[in-house]
Amino acid sequence: MTAGELAIITAAVLLSIGFAALVVVLSRVLDTLRILRSELTDLRHETRPLLAELRASTDEARGAVEEARHDLDRFDRVLGSAESISHAVASSGRMTRLALSAPVIKATALVTGTGRAARRLRRGGRRENERGTATGQHLVVVDDQRARRRRLG
């Protein structure tokens, strides 16, 4: 056997060992891929219902958000209406107070003054008839009665 033949045989043996190692490694990779494929299939079977439930929940949440947005818009319109009504009522109350305050004050003063004058005339007429006093004396009696009322009241 010559050196060339020995080199060819050694190379063939080494190549056969390498090829066998490669076959072993590739068969392990193939087994791992099969296991991975089955795990992936199981994962898909488990996640499909979860994804469907997640989609349903997302759709429900989207519907709830849309409804809340619609309700918020409606509430905003109601609040704006309430603010404008409140402003109108406040303005009308202020205008009414300004328009009626002077005449009401004057009417109250007139009624009070008229009532006092009527009481004085009634009291004065009785006292003059009962006592027969003069007008000057009547004023003194009326003033004394006011002073007594102030002390008592």
C-alpha atoms as a PDB file:
ATOM      1  CA  MET A   1       0.000   0.000   0.000  1.00  0.00           C
ATOM      2  CA  THR A   2       1.353   3.153  -0.995  1.00  0.00           C
ATOM      3  CA  ALA A   3       1.191   6.442   0.799  1.00  0.00           C
ATOM      4  CA  GLY A   4      -1.432   7.767  -1.628  1.00  0.00           C
ATOM      5  CA  GLU A   5      -3.685   4.805  -1.015  1.00  0.00           C
ATOM      6  CA  LEU A   6      -3.241   5.126   2.743  1.00  0.00           C
ATOM      7  CA  ALA A   7      -4.163   8.799   2.555  1.00  0.00           C
ATOM      8  CA  ILE A   8      -7.277   7.971   0.527  1.00  0.00           C
ATOM      9  CA  ILE A   9      -8.359   5.273   2.993  1.00  0.00           C
ATOM     10  CA  THR A  10      -7.744   7.562   5.971  1.00  0.00           C
ATOM     11  CA  ALA A  11      -9.667  10.343   4.307  1.00  0.00           C
ATOM     12  CA  ALA A  12     -12.514   7.912   3.491  1.00  0.00           C
ATOM     13  CA  VAL A  13     -12.652   6.690   7.102  1.00  0.00           C
ATOM     14  CA  LEU A  14     -12.582  10.214   8.444  1.00  0.00           C
ATOM     15  CA  LEU A  15     -15.250  11.274   5.970  1.00  0.00           C
ATOM     16  CA  SER A  16     -17.393   8.274   6.976  1.00  0.00           C
ATOM     17  CA  ILE A  17     -17.015   9.168  10.677  1.00  0.00           C
ATOM     18  CA  GLY A  18     -17.872  12.798   9.901  1.00  0.00           C
ATOM     19  CA  PHE A  19     -20.817  11.725   7.796  1.00  0.00           C
ATOM     20  CA  ALA A  20     -22.059   9.465  10.619  1.00  0.00           C
ATOM     21  CA  ALA A  21     -21.679  12.306  13.136  1.00  0.00           C
ATOM     22  CA  LEU A  22     -23.563  14.600  10.789  1.00  0.00           C
ATOM     23  CA  VAL A  23     -26.345  12.038  10.428  1.00  0.00           C
ATOM     24  CA  VAL A  24     -26.599  11.746  14.233  1.00  0.00           C
ATOM     25  CA  VAL A  25     -26.697  15.527  14.692  1.00  0.00           C
ATOM     26  CA  LEU A  26     -29.251  15.948  11.915  1.00  0.00           C
ATOM     27  CA  SER A  27     -31.453  13.203  13.362  1.00  0.00           C
ATOM     28  CA  ARG A  28     -31.334  14.978  16.770  1.00  0.00           C
ATOM     29  CA  VAL A  29     -32.244  18.273  15.110  1.00  0.00           C
ATOM     30  CA  LEU A  30     -35.082  16.510  13.288  1.00  0.00           C
ATOM     31  CA  ASP A  31     -36.383  15.034  16.572  1.00  0.00           C
ATOM     32  CA  THR A  32     -36.168  18.448  18.218  1.00  0.00           C
ATOM     33  CA  LEU A  33     -38.040  20.033  15.317  1.00  0.00           C
ATOM     34  CA  ARG A  34     -40.775  17.387  15.588  1.00  0.00           C
ATOM     35  CA  ILE A  35     -41.130  18.053  19.330  1.00  0.00           C
ATOM     36  CA  LEU A  36     -41.135  21.806  18.684  1.00  0.00           C
ATOM     37  CA  ARG A  37     -43.772  21.392  15.970  1.00  0.00           C
ATOM     38  CA  SER A  38     -46.043  19.384  18.310  1.00  0.00           C
ATOM     39  CA  GLU A  39     -45.589  21.946  21.087  1.00  0.00           C
ATOM     40  CA  LEU A  40     -46.421  24.720  18.650  1.00  0.00           C
ATOM     41  CA  THR A  41     -49.551  22.858  17.576  1.00  0.00           C
ATOM     42  CA  ASP A  42     -50.594  22.433  21.215  1.00  0.00           C
ATOM     43  CA  LEU A  43     -49.903  26.115  21.854  1.00  0.00           C
ATOM     44  CA  ARG A  44     -52.072  27.093  18.885  1.00  0.00           C
ATOM     45  CA  HIS A  45     -54.920  24.901  20.150  1.00  0.00           C
ATOM     46  CA  GLU A  46     -54.678  26.514  23.599  1.00  0.00           C
ATOM     47  CA  THR A  47     -54.314  30.108  22.417  1.00  0.00           C
ATOM     48  CA  ARG A  48     -57.086  30.159  19.789  1.00  0.00           C
ATOM     49  CA  PRO A  49     -59.883  30.262  22.382  1.00  0.00           C
ATOM     50  CA  LEU A  50     -57.936  32.824  24.387  1.00  0.00           C
ATOM     51  CA  LEU A  51     -57.462  35.005  21.318  1.00  0.00           C
ATOM     52  CA  ALA A  52     -61.143  34.675  20.454  1.00  0.00           C
ATOM     53  CA  GLU A  53     -62.057  35.697  24.013  1.00  0.00           C
ATOM     54  CA  LEU A  54     -59.594  38.577  23.860  1.00  0.00           C
ATOM     55  CA  ARG A  55     -61.154  39.773  20.586  1.00  0.00           C
ATOM     56  CA  ALA A  56     -64.630  39.559  22.118  1.00  0.00           C
ATOM     57  CA  SER A  57     -63.464  41.482  25.197  1.00  0.00           C
ATOM     58  CA  THR A  58     -61.816  44.090  22.994  1.00  0.00           C
ATOM     59  CA  ASP A  59     -65.008  44.481  20.978  1.00  0.00           C
ATOM     60  CA  GLU A  60     -67.031  44.847  24.185  1.00  0.00           C
ATOM     61  CA  ALA A  61     -64.566  47.388  25.542  1.00  0.00           C
ATOM     62  CA  ARG A  62     -64.670  49.293  22.256  1.00  0.00           C
ATOM     63  CA  GLY A  63     -68.478  49.335  22.441  1.00  0.00           C
ATOM     64  CA  ALA A  64     -68.383  50.504  26.057  1.00  0.00           C
ATOM     65  CA  VAL A  65     -65.928  53.273  25.186  1.00  0.00           C
ATOM     66  CA  GLU A  66     -68.103  54.408  22.278  1.00  0.00           C
ATOM     67  CA  GLU A  67     -71.184  54.399  24.516  1.00  0.00           C
ATOM     68  CA  ALA A  68     -69.305  56.325  27.215  1.00  0.00           C
ATOM     69  CA  ARG A  69     -68.117  58.829  24.611  1.00  0.00           C
ATOM     70  CA  HIS A  70     -71.697  59.248  23.377  1.00  0.00           C
ATOM     71  CA  ASP A  71     -72.958  59.680  26.968  1.00  0.00           C
ATOM     72  CA  LEU A  72     -70.188  62.165  27.686  1.00  0.00           C
ATOM     73  CA  ASP A  73     -71.109  64.208  24.610  1.00  0.00           C
ATOM     74  CA  ARG A  74     -74.759  64.170  25.659  1.00  0.00           C
ATOM     75  CA  PHE A  75     -73.816  65.156  29.227  1.00  0.00           C
ATOM     76  CA  ASP A  76     -71.689  67.978  27.848  1.00  0.00           C
ATOM     77  CA  ARG A  77     -74.683  69.287  25.891  1.00  0.00           C
ATOM     78  CA  VAL A  78     -76.922  69.020  28.972  1.00  0.00           C
ATOM     79  CA  LEU A  79     -74.334  70.782  31.100  1.00  0.00           C
ATOM     80  CA  GLY A  80     -74.039  73.567  28.523  1.00  0.00           C
ATOM     81  CA  SER A  81     -77.810  73.968  28.509  1.00  0.00           C
ATOM     82  CA  ALA A  82     -77.896  74.068  32.301  1.00  0.00           C
ATOM     83  CA  GLU A  83     -75.178  76.713  32.358  1.00  0.00           C
ATOM     84  CA  SER A  84     -77.023  78.877  29.851  1.00  0.00           C
ATOM     85  CA  ILE A  85     -80.291  78.482  31.805  1.00  0.00           C
ATOM     86  CA  SER A  86     -78.507  79.354  35.040  1.00  0.00           C
ATOM     87  CA  HIS A  87     -76.976  82.417  33.413  1.00  0.00           C
ATOM     88  CA  ALA A  88     -80.367  83.482  32.028  1.00  0.00           C
ATOM     89  CA  VAL A  89     -82.047  83.027  35.418  1.00  0.00           C
ATOM     90  CA  ALA A  90     -79.297  84.964  37.178  1.00  0.00           C
ATOM     91  CA  SER A  91     -79.557  87.771  34.637  1.00  0.00           C
ATOM     92  CA  SER A  92     -83.334  87.897  34.856  1.00  0.00           C
ATOM     93  CA  GLY A  93     -83.201  87.913  38.670  1.00  0.00           C
ATOM     94  CA  ARG A  94     -80.742  90.771  38.632  1.00  0.00           C
ATOM     95  CA  MET A  95     -82.796  92.695  36.077  1.00  0.00           C
ATOM     96  CA  THR A  96     -85.993  92.095  38.065  1.00  0.00           C
ATOM     97  CA  ARG A  97     -84.341  93.253  41.271  1.00  0.00           C
ATOM     98  CA  LEU A  98     -83.045  96.386  39.576  1.00  0.00           C
ATOM     99  CA  ALA A  99     -86.376  97.117  37.917  1.00  0.00           C
ATOM    100  CA  LEU A 100     -88.549  96.503  40.962  1.00  0.00           C
ATOM    101  CA  SER A 101     -86.381  97.525  43.894  1.00  0.00           C
ATOM    102  CA  ALA A 102     -87.005 101.290  43.695  1.00  0.00           C
ATOM    103  CA  PRO A 103     -90.808 101.042  43.166  1.00  0.00           C
ATOM    104  CA  VAL A 104     -91.161  98.398  45.883  1.00  0.00           C
ATOM    105  CA  ILE A 105     -89.172 100.502  48.335  1.00  0.00           C
ATOM    106  CA  LYS A 106     -91.271 103.519  47.508  1.00  0.00           C
ATOM    107  CA  ALA A 107     -94.525 101.547  47.805  1.00  0.00           C
ATOM    108  CA  THR A 108     -93.426 100.099  51.162  1.00  0.00           C
ATOM    109  CA  ALA A 109     -92.544 103.548  52.435  1.00  0.00           C
ATOM    110  CA  LEU A 110     -95.901 104.888  51.242  1.00  0.00           C
ATOM    111  CA  VAL A 111     -97.837 102.076  52.926  1.00  0.00           C
ATOM    112  CA  THR A 112     -95.870 102.437  56.152  1.00  0.00           C
ATOM    113  CA  GLY A 113     -96.320 106.186  56.192  1.00  0.00           C
ATOM    114  CA  THR A 114    -100.016 105.928  55.385  1.00  0.00           C
ATOM    115  CA  GLY A 115    -100.513 103.328  58.115  1.00  0.00           C
ATOM    116  CA  ARG A 116     -98.766 105.505  60.685  1.00  0.00           C
ATOM    117  CA  ALA A 117    -100.775 108.543  59.665  1.00  0.00           C
ATOM    118  CA  ALA A 118    -104.007 106.570  59.875  1.00  0.00           C
ATOM    119  CA  ARG A 119    -103.116 105.264  63.357  1.00  0.00           C
ATOM    120  CA  ARG A 120    -102.253 108.756  64.518  1.00  0.00           C
ATOM    121  CA  LEU A 121    -105.496 110.102  63.184  1.00  0.00           C
ATOM    122  CA  ARG A 122    -107.498 107.320  64.853  1.00  0.00           C
ATOM    123  CA  ARG A 123    -105.709 107.655  68.190  1.00  0.00           C
ATOM    124  CA  GLY A 124    -105.799 111.386  68.079  1.00  0.00           C
ATOM    125  CA  GLY A 125    -109.539 111.460  67.392  1.00  0.00           C
ATOM    126  CA  ARG A 126    -110.358 109.127  70.320  1.00  0.00           C
ATOM    127  CA  ARG A 127    -108.198 110.938  72.822  1.00  0.00           C
ATOM    128  CA  GLU A 128    -109.586 114.293  71.873  1.00  0.00           C
ATOM    129  CA  ASN A 129    -113.134 113.013  72.147  1.00  0.00           C
ATOM    130  CA  GLU A 130    -112.539 111.208  75.431  1.00  0.00           C
ATOM    131  CA  ARG A 131    -110.428 113.841  77.156  1.00  0.00           C
ATOM    132  CA  GLY A 132    -111.503 116.868  75.207  1.00  0.00           C
ATOM    133  CA  THR A 133    -107.932 118.133  74.953  1.00  0.00           C
ATOM    134  CA  ALA A 134    -106.450 120.446  72.422  1.00  0.00           C
ATOM    135  CA  THR A 135    -104.217 119.434  69.523  1.00  0.00           C
ATOM    136  CA  GLY A 136    -100.971 120.497  71.211  1.00  0.00           C
ATOM    137  CA  GLN A 137    -101.661 118.395  74.250  1.00  0.00           C
ATOM    138  CA  HIS A 138    -102.506 115.398  72.004  1.00  0.00           C
ATOM    139  CA  LEU A 139     -99.048 115.510  70.404  1.00  0.00           C
ATOM    140  CA  VAL A 140     -97.447 115.346  73.838  1.00  0.00           C
ATOM    141  CA  VAL A 141     -99.552 112.286  74.735  1.00  0.00           C
ATOM    142  CA  VAL A 142     -98.668 110.547  71.444  1.00  0.00           C
ATOM    143  CA  ASP A 143     -94.956 111.278  71.986  1.00  0.00           C
ATOM    144  CA  ASP A 144     -95.194 109.875  75.553  1.00  0.00           C
ATOM    145  CA  GLN A 145     -96.771 106.697  74.195  1.00  0.00           C
ATOM    146  CA  ARG A 146     -93.967 106.268  71.656  1.00  0.00           C
ATOM    147  CA  ALA A 147     -91.378 106.679  74.360  1.00  0.00           C
ATOM    148  CA  ARG A 148     -93.108 104.024  76.498  1.00  0.00           C
ATOM    149  CA  ARG A 149     -93.250 101.621  73.540  1.00  0.00           C
ATOM    150  CA  ARG A 150     -89.574 102.091  72.884  1.00  0.00           C
ATOM    151  CA  ARG A 151     -88.718 101.360  76.498  1.00  0.00           C
ATOM    152  CA  LEU A 152     -90.909  98.229  76.557  1.00  0.00           C
ATOM    153  CA  GLY A 153     -90.051  96.988  73.073  1.00  0.00           C
END
